[in-house]
Amino acid sequence: MEKLIACCGLDCTTCDAYKATILDDNELRASTAAIWRVQFSPDITNEMINCTGCRQESAKFAHCFQCEIRKCVASKGFQTCSEGDQLENCDIAGNILKYVPEALENLKSLN
């Protein structure tokens, strides 16, 4: 499967919400929601596990609309963080790029 790089550099095709949406897999939606309720918020429902990627026009997980990285990228008219000149020193995307080195590599590969 070809990569689908999010604003922050994460590969959406590796995300269980993306997989559940593309495969219309309700079991994967339920297991993802259960995990994410513990990791992120007890308010996450199975129905919320519906996303085709933050840069796509169709379905998005609720967090996409609150994501500070996505908001920053959009405010600058960019598609991804790779278009900025402070990629490796960005306060907003810093944690993802620090803890998920693949995200930084994905962004670098776009240039």
PDB file of N, CA and C in Angstrom:
ATOM      1  N   MET A   1       0.848  -1.181   0.000  1.00  0.00           N
ATOM      2  CA  MET A   1       0.000   0.000   0.000  1.00  0.00           C
ATOM      3  C   MET A   1       0.888   1.237   0.000  1.00  0.00           C
ATOM      4  N   GLU A   2       0.532   2.183  -0.817  1.00  0.00           N
ATOM      5  CA  GLU A   2       1.285   3.428  -0.903  1.00  0.00           C
ATOM      6  C   GLU A   2       1.055   4.275   0.348  1.00  0.00           C
ATOM      7  N   LYS A   3       2.069   5.018   0.751  1.00  0.00           N
ATOM      8  CA  LYS A   3       1.945   5.868   1.926  1.00  0.00           C
ATOM      9  C   LYS A   3       0.975   7.008   1.658  1.00  0.00           C
ATOM     10  N   LEU A   4       0.317   7.449   2.720  1.00  0.00           N
ATOM     11  CA  LEU A   4      -0.567   8.611   2.694  1.00  0.00           C
ATOM     12  C   LEU A   4      -0.109   9.482   3.854  1.00  0.00           C
ATOM     13  N   ILE A   5       0.700  10.474   3.569  1.00  0.00           N
ATOM     14  CA  ILE A   5       1.364  11.257   4.611  1.00  0.00           C
ATOM     15  C   ILE A   5       0.447  12.366   5.133  1.00  0.00           C
ATOM     16  N   ALA A   6       0.254  12.356   6.443  1.00  0.00           N
ATOM     17  CA  ALA A   6      -0.551  13.379   7.122  1.00  0.00           C
ATOM     18  C   ALA A   6       0.242  14.681   7.233  1.00  0.00           C
ATOM     19  N   CYS A   7      -0.410  15.734   7.668  1.00  0.00           N
ATOM     20  CA  CYS A   7       0.248  17.035   7.855  1.00  0.00           C
ATOM     21  C   CYS A   7       1.511  16.922   8.698  1.00  0.00           C
ATOM     22  N   CYS A   8       1.468  16.070   9.714  1.00  0.00           N
ATOM     23  CA  CYS A   8       2.556  15.926  10.677  1.00  0.00           C
ATOM     24  C   CYS A   8       3.618  14.924  10.245  1.00  0.00           C
ATOM     25  N   GLY A   9       3.366  14.184   9.170  1.00  0.00           N
ATOM     26  CA  GLY A   9       4.327  13.198   8.713  1.00  0.00           C
ATOM     27  C   GLY A   9       3.956  11.763   9.014  1.00  0.00           C
ATOM     28  N   LEU A  10       2.944  11.548   9.853  1.00  0.00           N
ATOM     29  CA  LEU A  10       2.505  10.185  10.108  1.00  0.00           C
ATOM     30  C   LEU A  10       1.944   9.595   8.817  1.00  0.00           C
ATOM     31  N   ASP A  11       2.092   8.295   8.659  1.00  0.00           N
ATOM     32  CA  ASP A  11       1.549   7.603   7.496  1.00  0.00           C
ATOM     33  C   ASP A  11       0.154   7.101   7.844  1.00  0.00           C
ATOM     34  N   CYS A  12      -0.857   7.720   7.280  1.00  0.00           N
ATOM     35  CA  CYS A  12      -2.246   7.376   7.594  1.00  0.00           C
ATOM     36  C   CYS A  12      -2.566   5.914   7.291  1.00  0.00           C
ATOM     37  N   THR A  13      -1.888   5.321   6.317  1.00  0.00           N
ATOM     38  CA  THR A  13      -2.203   3.939   5.951  1.00  0.00           C
ATOM     39  C   THR A  13      -1.833   2.952   7.048  1.00  0.00           C
ATOM     40  N   THR A  14      -1.042   3.371   8.028  1.00  0.00           N
ATOM     41  CA  THR A  14      -0.683   2.491   9.143  1.00  0.00           C
ATOM     42  C   THR A  14      -1.619   2.658  10.333  1.00  0.00           C
ATOM     43  N   CYS A  15      -2.540   3.608  10.260  1.00  0.00           N
ATOM     44  CA  CYS A  15      -3.459   3.909  11.358  1.00  0.00           C
ATOM     45  C   CYS A  15      -4.658   2.968  11.322  1.00  0.00           C
ATOM     46  N   ASP A  16      -5.027   2.439  12.483  1.00  0.00           N
ATOM     47  CA  ASP A  16      -6.162   1.522  12.549  1.00  0.00           C
ATOM     48  C   ASP A  16      -7.488   2.192  12.204  1.00  0.00           C
ATOM     49  N   ALA A  17      -7.637   3.476  12.466  1.00  0.00           N
ATOM     50  CA  ALA A  17      -8.872   4.172  12.081  1.00  0.00           C
ATOM     51  C   ALA A  17      -8.980   4.227  10.557  1.00  0.00           C
ATOM     52  N   TYR A  18      -7.881   4.508   9.906  1.00  0.00           N
ATOM     53  CA  TYR A  18      -7.851   4.528   8.440  1.00  0.00           C
ATOM     54  C   TYR A  18      -8.175   3.139   7.891  1.00  0.00           C
ATOM     55  N   LYS A  19      -7.500   2.119   8.429  1.00  0.00           N
ATOM     56  CA  LYS A  19      -7.715   0.746   7.962  1.00  0.00           C
ATOM     57  C   LYS A  19      -9.172   0.330   8.156  1.00  0.00           C
ATOM     58  N   ALA A  20      -9.735   0.630   9.319  1.00  0.00           N
ATOM     59  CA  ALA A  20     -11.133   0.264   9.596  1.00  0.00           C
ATOM     60  C   ALA A  20     -12.079   0.946   8.619  1.00  0.00           C
ATOM     61  N   THR A  21     -11.779   2.185   8.272  1.00  0.00           N
ATOM     62  CA  THR A  21     -12.622   2.934   7.342  1.00  0.00           C
ATOM     63  C   THR A  21     -12.523   2.355   5.937  1.00  0.00           C
ATOM     64  N   ILE A  22     -11.307   2.182   5.458  1.00  0.00           N
ATOM     65  CA  ILE A  22     -11.094   1.688   4.101  1.00  0.00           C
ATOM     66  C   ILE A  22     -11.654   0.276   3.925  1.00  0.00           C
ATOM     67  N   LEU A  23     -11.469  -0.562   4.953  1.00  0.00           N
ATOM     68  CA  LEU A  23     -11.932  -1.955   4.878  1.00  0.00           C
ATOM     69  C   LEU A  23     -13.378  -2.120   5.360  1.00  0.00           C
ATOM     70  N   ASP A  24     -13.984  -1.050   5.869  1.00  0.00           N
ATOM     71  CA  ASP A  24     -15.313  -1.080   6.485  1.00  0.00           C
ATOM     72  C   ASP A  24     -15.392  -2.234   7.488  1.00  0.00           C
ATOM     73  N   ASP A  25     -14.410  -2.225   8.399  1.00  0.00           N
ATOM     74  CA  ASP A  25     -14.224  -3.320   9.363  1.00  0.00           C
ATOM     75  C   ASP A  25     -14.708  -2.870  10.743  1.00  0.00           C
ATOM     76  N   ASN A  26     -15.914  -3.283  11.110  1.00  0.00           N
ATOM     77  CA  ASN A  26     -16.494  -2.867  12.392  1.00  0.00           C
ATOM     78  C   ASN A  26     -15.786  -3.483  13.587  1.00  0.00           C
ATOM     79  N   GLU A  27     -15.207  -4.661  13.438  1.00  0.00           N
ATOM     80  CA  GLU A  27     -14.436  -5.254  14.534  1.00  0.00           C
ATOM     81  C   GLU A  27     -13.184  -4.431  14.816  1.00  0.00           C
ATOM     82  N   LEU A  28     -12.509  -3.985  13.759  1.00  0.00           N
ATOM     83  CA  LEU A  28     -11.329  -3.140  13.939  1.00  0.00           C
ATOM     84  C   LEU A  28     -11.729  -1.787  14.519  1.00  0.00           C
ATOM     85  N   ARG A  29     -12.872  -1.246  14.104  1.00  0.00           N
ATOM     86  CA  ARG A  29     -13.372   0.006  14.690  1.00  0.00           C
ATOM     87  C   ARG A  29     -13.562  -0.162  16.205  1.00  0.00           C
ATOM     88  N   ALA A  30     -14.191  -1.266  16.599  1.00  0.00           N
ATOM     89  CA  ALA A  30     -14.477  -1.507  18.017  1.00  0.00           C
ATOM     90  C   ALA A  30     -13.195  -1.687  18.817  1.00  0.00           C
ATOM     91  N   SER A  31     -12.249  -2.452  18.301  1.00  0.00           N
ATOM     92  CA  SER A  31     -11.004  -2.671  19.048  1.00  0.00           C
ATOM     93  C   SER A  31     -10.168  -1.394  19.107  1.00  0.00           C
ATOM     94  N   THR A  32     -10.168  -0.614  18.038  1.00  0.00           N
ATOM     95  CA  THR A  32      -9.441   0.664  18.033  1.00  0.00           C
ATOM     96  C   THR A  32     -10.073   1.634  19.022  1.00  0.00           C
ATOM     97  N   ALA A  33     -11.384   1.734  19.013  1.00  0.00           N
ATOM     98  CA  ALA A  33     -12.082   2.615  19.953  1.00  0.00           C
ATOM     99  C   ALA A  33     -11.774   2.218  21.392  1.00  0.00           C
ATOM    100  N   ALA A  34     -11.760   0.925  21.671  1.00  0.00           N
ATOM    101  CA  ALA A  34     -11.469   0.456  23.036  1.00  0.00           C
ATOM    102  C   ALA A  34     -10.069   0.873  23.470  1.00  0.00           C
ATOM    103  N   ILE A  35      -9.109   0.723  22.597  1.00  0.00           N
ATOM    104  CA  ILE A  35      -7.722   1.108  22.913  1.00  0.00           C
ATOM    105  C   ILE A  35      -7.620   2.620  23.074  1.00  0.00           C
ATOM    106  N   TRP A  36      -8.207   3.355  22.148  1.00  0.00           N
ATOM    107  CA  TRP A  36      -8.113   4.818  22.173  1.00  0.00           C
ATOM    108  C   TRP A  36      -8.878   5.423  23.350  1.00  0.00           C
ATOM    109  N   ARG A  37      -9.936   4.738  23.832  1.00  0.00           N
ATOM    110  CA  ARG A  37     -10.639   5.232  25.026  1.00  0.00           C
ATOM    111  C   ARG A  37      -9.684   5.241  26.221  1.00  0.00           C
ATOM    112  N   VAL A  38      -8.835   4.251  26.313  1.00  0.00           N
ATOM    113  CA  VAL A  38      -7.866   4.170  27.409  1.00  0.00           C
ATOM    114  C   VAL A  38      -6.717   5.155  27.178  1.00  0.00           C
ATOM    115  N   GLN A  39      -6.216   5.214  25.952  1.00  0.00           N
ATOM    116  CA  GLN A  39      -5.054   6.049  25.653  1.00  0.00           C
ATOM    117  C   GLN A  39      -5.364   7.538  25.581  1.00  0.00           C
ATOM    118  N   PHE A  40      -6.519   7.882  25.020  1.00  0.00           N
ATOM    119  CA  PHE A  40      -6.778   9.284  24.700  1.00  0.00           C
ATOM    120  C   PHE A  40      -7.986   9.901  25.394  1.00  0.00           C
ATOM    121  N   SER A  41      -9.152   9.238  25.290  1.00  0.00           N
ATOM    122  CA  SER A  41     -10.362   9.838  25.859  1.00  0.00           C
ATOM    123  C   SER A  41     -11.437   8.771  26.042  1.00  0.00           C
ATOM    124  N   PRO A  42     -12.081   8.765  27.209  1.00  0.00           N
ATOM    125  CA  PRO A  42     -13.164   7.795  27.435  1.00  0.00           C
ATOM    126  C   PRO A  42     -14.404   8.079  26.576  1.00  0.00           C
ATOM    127  N   ASP A  43     -14.427   9.205  25.884  1.00  0.00           N
ATOM    128  CA  ASP A  43     -15.577   9.596  25.076  1.00  0.00           C
ATOM    129  C   ASP A  43     -15.553   9.037  23.652  1.00  0.00           C
ATOM    130  N   ILE A  44     -14.497   8.345  23.280  1.00  0.00           N
ATOM    131  CA  ILE A  44     -14.381   7.826  21.909  1.00  0.00           C
ATOM    132  C   ILE A  44     -15.331   6.640  21.723  1.00  0.00           C
ATOM    133  N   THR A  45     -16.130   6.731  20.681  1.00  0.00           N
ATOM    134  CA  THR A  45     -17.077   5.655  20.358  1.00  0.00           C
ATOM    135  C   THR A  45     -16.613   4.911  19.110  1.00  0.00           C
ATOM    136  N   ASN A  46     -17.174   3.740  18.899  1.00  0.00           N
ATOM    137  CA  ASN A  46     -16.858   2.964  17.691  1.00  0.00           C
ATOM    138  C   ASN A  46     -17.169   3.772  16.431  1.00  0.00           C
ATOM    139  N   GLU A  47     -18.271   4.507  16.465  1.00  0.00           N
ATOM    140  CA  GLU A  47     -18.696   5.286  15.307  1.00  0.00           C
ATOM    141  C   GLU A  47     -17.716   6.405  14.953  1.00  0.00           C
ATOM    142  N   MET A  48     -16.938   6.835  15.920  1.00  0.00           N
ATOM    143  CA  MET A  48     -15.953   7.895  15.674  1.00  0.00           C
ATOM    144  C   MET A  48     -14.728   7.382  14.920  1.00  0.00           C
ATOM    145  N   ILE A  49     -14.552   6.077  14.875  1.00  0.00           N
ATOM    146  CA  ILE A  49     -13.387   5.499  14.209  1.00  0.00           C
ATOM    147  C   ILE A  49     -13.697   5.417  12.724  1.00  0.00           C
ATOM    148  N   ASN A  50     -13.541   6.549  12.079  1.00  0.00           N
ATOM    149  CA  ASN A  50     -13.865   6.722  10.676  1.00  0.00           C
ATOM    150  C   ASN A  50     -12.961   7.827  10.134  1.00  0.00           C
ATOM    151  N   CYS A  51     -11.956   7.463   9.332  1.00  0.00           N
ATOM    152  CA  CYS A  51     -11.023   8.477   8.849  1.00  0.00           C
ATOM    153  C   CYS A  51     -10.344   8.009   7.569  1.00  0.00           C
ATOM    154  N   THR A  52     -10.222   8.912   6.631  1.00  0.00           N
ATOM    155  CA  THR A  52      -9.499   8.621   5.393  1.00  0.00           C
ATOM    156  C   THR A  52      -8.212   9.439   5.301  1.00  0.00           C
ATOM    157  N   GLY A  53      -7.839  10.089   6.398  1.00  0.00           N
ATOM    158  CA  GLY A  53      -6.607  10.881   6.428  1.00  0.00           C
ATOM    159  C   GLY A  53      -6.910  12.360   6.549  1.00  0.00           C
ATOM    160  N   CYS A  54      -6.068  13.065   7.296  1.00  0.00           N
ATOM    161  CA  CYS A  54      -6.344  14.478   7.587  1.00  0.00           C
ATOM    162  C   CYS A  54      -6.227  15.390   6.373  1.00  0.00           C
ATOM    163  N   ARG A  55      -5.561  14.928   5.331  1.00  0.00           N
ATOM    164  CA  ARG A  55      -5.416  15.764   4.140  1.00  0.00           C
ATOM    165  C   ARG A  55      -6.403  15.391   3.048  1.00  0.00           C
ATOM    166  N   GLN A  56      -7.291  14.453   3.329  1.00  0.00           N
ATOM    167  CA  GLN A  56      -8.287  14.015   2.348  1.00  0.00           C
ATOM    168  C   GLN A  56      -9.589  14.783   2.567  1.00  0.00           C
ATOM    169  N   GLU A  57     -10.382  14.848   1.539  1.00  0.00           N
ATOM    170  CA  GLU A  57     -11.647  15.592   1.601  1.00  0.00           C
ATOM    171  C   GLU A  57     -12.738  14.846   2.355  1.00  0.00           C
ATOM    172  N   SER A  58     -12.639  13.540   2.471  1.00  0.00           N
ATOM    173  CA  SER A  58     -13.723  12.757   3.068  1.00  0.00           C
ATOM    174  C   SER A  58     -13.543  12.575   4.567  1.00  0.00           C
ATOM    175  N   ALA A  59     -14.056  11.500   5.124  1.00  0.00           N
ATOM    176  CA  ALA A  59     -14.161  11.265   6.571  1.00  0.00           C
ATOM    177  C   ALA A  59     -12.863  11.522   7.332  1.00  0.00           C
ATOM    178  N   LYS A  60     -13.030  12.122   8.507  1.00  0.00           N
ATOM    179  CA  LYS A  60     -11.905  12.408   9.401  1.00  0.00           C
ATOM    180  C   LYS A  60     -12.275  12.040  10.826  1.00  0.00           C
ATOM    181  N   PHE A  61     -11.279  11.562  11.568  1.00  0.00           N
ATOM    182  CA  PHE A  61     -11.452  11.331  12.990  1.00  0.00           C
ATOM    183  C   PHE A  61     -11.644  12.690  13.663  1.00  0.00           C
ATOM    184  N   ALA A  62     -12.419  12.755  14.699  1.00  0.00           N
ATOM    185  CA  ALA A  62     -12.748  14.026  15.360  1.00  0.00           C
ATOM    186  C   ALA A  62     -11.507  14.837  15.732  1.00  0.00           C
ATOM    187  N   HIS A  63     -10.428  14.175  16.138  1.00  0.00           N
ATOM    188  CA  HIS A  63      -9.213  14.892  16.538  1.00  0.00           C
ATOM    189  C   HIS A  63      -8.635  15.724  15.396  1.00  0.00           C
ATOM    190  N   CYS A  64      -8.828  15.300  14.163  1.00  0.00           N
ATOM    191  CA  CYS A  64      -8.278  16.041  13.026  1.00  0.00           C
ATOM    192  C   CYS A  64      -8.712  17.508  13.048  1.00  0.00           C
ATOM    193  N   PHE A  65      -9.929  17.764  13.497  1.00  0.00           N
ATOM    194  CA  PHE A  65     -10.453  19.128  13.507  1.00  0.00           C
ATOM    195  C   PHE A  65      -9.885  19.958  14.654  1.00  0.00           C
ATOM    196  N   GLN A  66      -9.302  19.291  15.661  1.00  0.00           N
ATOM    197  CA  GLN A  66      -8.710  19.970  16.804  1.00  0.00           C
ATOM    198  C   GLN A  66      -7.187  19.979  16.756  1.00  0.00           C
ATOM    199  N   CYS A  67      -6.601  19.251  15.833  1.00  0.00           N
ATOM    200  CA  CYS A  67      -5.151  19.060  15.767  1.00  0.00           C
ATOM    201  C   CYS A  67      -4.418  20.378  15.524  1.00  0.00           C
ATOM    202  N   GLU A  68      -3.555  20.739  16.451  1.00  0.00           N
ATOM    203  CA  GLU A  68      -2.795  21.987  16.335  1.00  0.00           C
ATOM    204  C   GLU A  68      -1.842  21.969  15.144  1.00  0.00           C
ATOM    205  N   ILE A  69      -1.310  20.803  14.835  1.00  0.00           N
ATOM    206  CA  ILE A  69      -0.399  20.705  13.688  1.00  0.00           C
ATOM    207  C   ILE A  69      -1.175  20.961  12.401  1.00  0.00           C
ATOM    208  N   ARG A  70      -2.308  20.325  12.258  1.00  0.00           N
ATOM    209  CA  ARG A  70      -3.135  20.517  11.062  1.00  0.00           C
ATOM    210  C   ARG A  70      -3.586  21.977  10.929  1.00  0.00           C
ATOM    211  N   LYS A  71      -3.972  22.584  12.054  1.00  0.00           N
ATOM    212  CA  LYS A  71      -4.375  23.995  12.034  1.00  0.00           C
ATOM    213  C   LYS A  71      -3.214  24.886  11.593  1.00  0.00           C
ATOM    214  N   CYS A  72      -2.015  24.616  12.108  1.00  0.00           N
ATOM    215  CA  CYS A  72      -0.839  25.408  11.761  1.00  0.00           C
ATOM    216  C   CYS A  72      -0.520  25.295  10.276  1.00  0.00           C
ATOM    217  N   VAL A  73      -0.511  24.068   9.779  1.00  0.00           N
ATOM    218  CA  VAL A  73      -0.223  23.822   8.362  1.00  0.00           C
ATOM    219  C   VAL A  73      -1.237  24.573   7.491  1.00  0.00           C
ATOM    220  N   ALA A  74      -2.511  24.459   7.825  1.00  0.00           N
ATOM    221  CA  ALA A  74      -3.560  25.126   7.041  1.00  0.00           C
ATOM    222  C   ALA A  74      -3.421  26.644   7.105  1.00  0.00           C
ATOM    223  N   SER A  75      -3.080  27.178   8.280  1.00  0.00           N
ATOM    224  CA  SER A  75      -2.963  28.634   8.427  1.00  0.00           C
ATOM    225  C   SER A  75      -1.839  29.212   7.569  1.00  0.00           C
ATOM    226  N   LYS A  76      -0.873  28.384   7.247  1.00  0.00           N
ATOM    227  CA  LYS A  76       0.261  28.827   6.423  1.00  0.00           C
ATOM    228  C   LYS A  76       0.072  28.481   4.952  1.00  0.00           C
ATOM    229  N   GLY A  77      -1.046  27.823   4.637  1.00  0.00           N
ATOM    230  CA  GLY A  77      -1.307  27.446   3.256  1.00  0.00           C
ATOM    231  C   GLY A  77      -0.475  26.269   2.790  1.00  0.00           C
ATOM    232  N   PHE A  78       0.058  25.500   3.728  1.00  0.00           N
ATOM    233  CA  PHE A  78       0.876  24.335   3.399  1.00  0.00           C
ATOM    234  C   PHE A  78       0.002  23.085   3.318  1.00  0.00           C
ATOM    235  N   GLN A  79       0.583  22.042   2.736  1.00  0.00           N
ATOM    236  CA  GLN A  79      -0.031  20.713   2.745  1.00  0.00           C
ATOM    237  C   GLN A  79       0.472  19.908   3.943  1.00  0.00           C
ATOM    238  N   THR A  80       1.780  20.035   4.246  1.00  0.00           N
ATOM    239  CA  THR A  80       2.407  19.321   5.362  1.00  0.00           C
ATOM    240  C   THR A  80       3.445  20.213   6.024  1.00  0.00           C
ATOM    241  N   CYS A  81       3.955  19.757   7.147  1.00  0.00           N
ATOM    242  CA  CYS A  81       5.022  20.468   7.851  1.00  0.00           C
ATOM    243  C   CYS A  81       6.309  20.535   7.037  1.00  0.00           C
ATOM    244  N   SER A  82       6.445  19.682   6.042  1.00  0.00           N
ATOM    245  CA  SER A  82       7.671  19.654   5.239  1.00  0.00           C
ATOM    246  C   SER A  82       7.896  20.957   4.486  1.00  0.00           C
ATOM    247  N   GLU A  83       6.860  21.736   4.299  1.00  0.00           N
ATOM    248  CA  GLU A  83       6.971  22.982   3.552  1.00  0.00           C
ATOM    249  C   GLU A  83       7.496  24.137   4.406  1.00  0.00           C
ATOM    250  N   GLY A  84       7.512  23.960   5.707  1.00  0.00           N
ATOM    251  CA  GLY A  84       8.010  25.003   6.603  1.00  0.00           C
ATOM    252  C   GLY A  84       9.525  24.993   6.682  1.00  0.00           C
ATOM    253  N   ASP A  85      10.088  26.064   7.205  1.00  0.00           N
ATOM    254  CA  ASP A  85      11.550  26.153   7.294  1.00  0.00           C
ATOM    255  C   ASP A  85      12.077  25.816   8.691  1.00  0.00           C
ATOM    256  N   GLN A  86      11.180  25.411   9.599  1.00  0.00           N
ATOM    257  CA  GLN A  86      11.599  25.065  10.959  1.00  0.00           C
ATOM    258  C   GLN A  86      11.204  23.641  11.322  1.00  0.00           C
ATOM    259  N   LEU A  87      11.187  22.776  10.354  1.00  0.00           N
ATOM    260  CA  LEU A  87      10.681  21.421  10.538  1.00  0.00           C
ATOM    261  C   LEU A  87      11.254  20.726  11.766  1.00  0.00           C
ATOM    262  N   GLU A  88      12.547  20.686  11.907  1.00  0.00           N
ATOM    263  CA  GLU A  88      13.158  19.933  13.002  1.00  0.00           C
ATOM    264  C   GLU A  88      13.190  20.700  14.320  1.00  0.00           C
ATOM    265  N   ASN A  89      12.807  21.964  14.307  1.00  0.00           N
ATOM    266  CA  ASN A  89      12.792  22.770  15.525  1.00  0.00           C
ATOM    267  C   ASN A  89      11.412  23.314  15.858  1.00  0.00           C
ATOM    268  N   CYS A  90      10.398  22.709  15.321  1.00  0.00           N
ATOM    269  CA  CYS A  90       9.035  23.192  15.506  1.00  0.00           C
ATOM    270  C   CYS A  90       8.490  22.794  16.871  1.00  0.00           C
ATOM    271  N   ASP A  91       7.984  23.774  17.600  1.00  0.00           N
ATOM    272  CA  ASP A  91       7.384  23.506  18.904  1.00  0.00           C
ATOM    273  C   ASP A  91       6.062  22.743  18.782  1.00  0.00           C
ATOM    274  N   ILE A  92       5.328  22.974  17.715  1.00  0.00           N
ATOM    275  CA  ILE A  92       4.013  22.355  17.561  1.00  0.00           C
ATOM    276  C   ILE A  92       4.141  20.880  17.170  1.00  0.00           C
ATOM    277  N   ALA A  93       4.965  20.576  16.193  1.00  0.00           N
ATOM    278  CA  ALA A  93       5.106  19.189  15.722  1.00  0.00           C
ATOM    279  C   ALA A  93       6.242  18.448  16.420  1.00  0.00           C
ATOM    280  N   GLY A  94       6.951  19.121  17.277  1.00  0.00           N
ATOM    281  CA  GLY A  94       8.153  18.567  17.900  1.00  0.00           C
ATOM    282  C   GLY A  94       8.010  17.203  18.544  1.00  0.00           C
ATOM    283  N   ASN A  95       6.947  16.989  19.330  1.00  0.00           N
ATOM    284  CA  ASN A  95       6.797  15.696  20.013  1.00  0.00           C
ATOM    285  C   ASN A  95       6.592  14.540  19.055  1.00  0.00           C
ATOM    286  N   ILE A  96       5.781  14.751  18.043  1.00  0.00           N
ATOM    287  CA  ILE A  96       5.587  13.669  17.070  1.00  0.00           C
ATOM    288  C   ILE A  96       6.900  13.371  16.370  1.00  0.00           C
ATOM    289  N   LEU A  97       7.587  14.404  15.943  1.00  0.00           N
ATOM    290  CA  LEU A  97       8.835  14.199  15.213  1.00  0.00           C
ATOM    291  C   LEU A  97       9.921  13.594  16.096  1.00  0.00           C
ATOM    292  N   LYS A  98       9.863  13.875  17.386  1.00  0.00           N
ATOM    293  CA  LYS A  98      10.835  13.320  18.325  1.00  0.00           C
ATOM    294  C   LYS A  98      10.560  11.845  18.614  1.00  0.00           C
ATOM    295  N   TYR A  99       9.303  11.520  18.865  1.00  0.00           N
ATOM    296  CA  TYR A  99       8.943  10.174  19.299  1.00  0.00           C
ATOM    297  C   TYR A  99       8.557   9.224  18.158  1.00  0.00           C
ATOM    298  N   VAL A 100       8.317   9.784  16.988  1.00  0.00           N
ATOM    299  CA  VAL A 100       8.008   8.950  15.819  1.00  0.00           C
ATOM    300  C   VAL A 100       8.946   9.376  14.688  1.00  0.00           C
ATOM    301  N   PRO A 101      10.184   8.885  14.717  1.00  0.00           N
ATOM    302  CA  PRO A 101      11.168   9.317  13.727  1.00  0.00           C
ATOM    303  C   PRO A 101      10.743   9.057  12.282  1.00  0.00           C
ATOM    304  N   GLU A 102       9.867   8.072  12.084  1.00  0.00           N
ATOM    305  CA  GLU A 102       9.374   7.807  10.727  1.00  0.00           C
ATOM    306  C   GLU A 102       8.609   9.006  10.171  1.00  0.00           C
ATOM    307  N   ALA A 103       7.947   9.750  11.049  1.00  0.00           N
ATOM    308  CA  ALA A 103       7.191  10.926  10.609  1.00  0.00           C
ATOM    309  C   ALA A 103       8.139  11.964  10.015  1.00  0.00           C
ATOM    310  N   LEU A 104       9.256  12.186  10.676  1.00  0.00           N
ATOM    311  CA  LEU A 104      10.246  13.144  10.168  1.00  0.00           C
ATOM    312  C   LEU A 104      10.795  12.658   8.831  1.00  0.00           C
ATOM    313  N   GLU A 105      11.114  11.385   8.730  1.00  0.00           N
ATOM    314  CA  GLU A 105      11.627  10.829   7.473  1.00  0.00           C
ATOM    315  C   GLU A 105      10.584  10.951   6.358  1.00  0.00           C
ATOM    316  N   ASN A 106       9.315  10.684   6.688  1.00  0.00           N
ATOM    317  CA  ASN A 106       8.248  10.833   5.697  1.00  0.00           C
ATOM    318  C   ASN A 106       8.173  12.266   5.174  1.00  0.00           C
ATOM    319  N   LEU A 107       8.259  13.235   6.089  1.00  0.00           N
ATOM    320  CA  LEU A 107       8.202  14.637   5.688  1.00  0.00           C
ATOM    321  C   LEU A 107       9.404  15.014   4.832  1.00  0.00           C
ATOM    322  N   LYS A 108      10.564  14.562   5.217  1.00  0.00           N
ATOM    323  CA  LYS A 108      11.778  14.851   4.440  1.00  0.00           C
ATOM    324  C   LYS A 108      11.690  14.249   3.044  1.00  0.00           C
ATOM    325  N   SER A 109      11.044  13.105   2.915  1.00  0.00           N
ATOM    326  CA  SER A 109      10.942  12.445   1.624  1.00  0.00           C
ATOM    327  C   SER A 109      10.033  13.201   0.652  1.00  0.00           C
ATOM    328  N   LEU A 110       9.208  14.103   1.175  1.00  0.00           N
ATOM    329  CA  LEU A 110       8.296  14.869   0.330  1.00  0.00           C
ATOM    330  C   LEU A 110       8.984  16.011  -0.406  1.00  0.00           C
ATOM    331  N   ASN A 111      10.152  16.399   0.062  1.00  0.00           N
ATOM    332  CA  ASN A 111      10.857  17.538  -0.569  1.00  0.00           C
ATOM    333  C   ASN A 111      11.779  17.077  -1.675  1.00  0.00           C
TER     334      ASN A 111
END
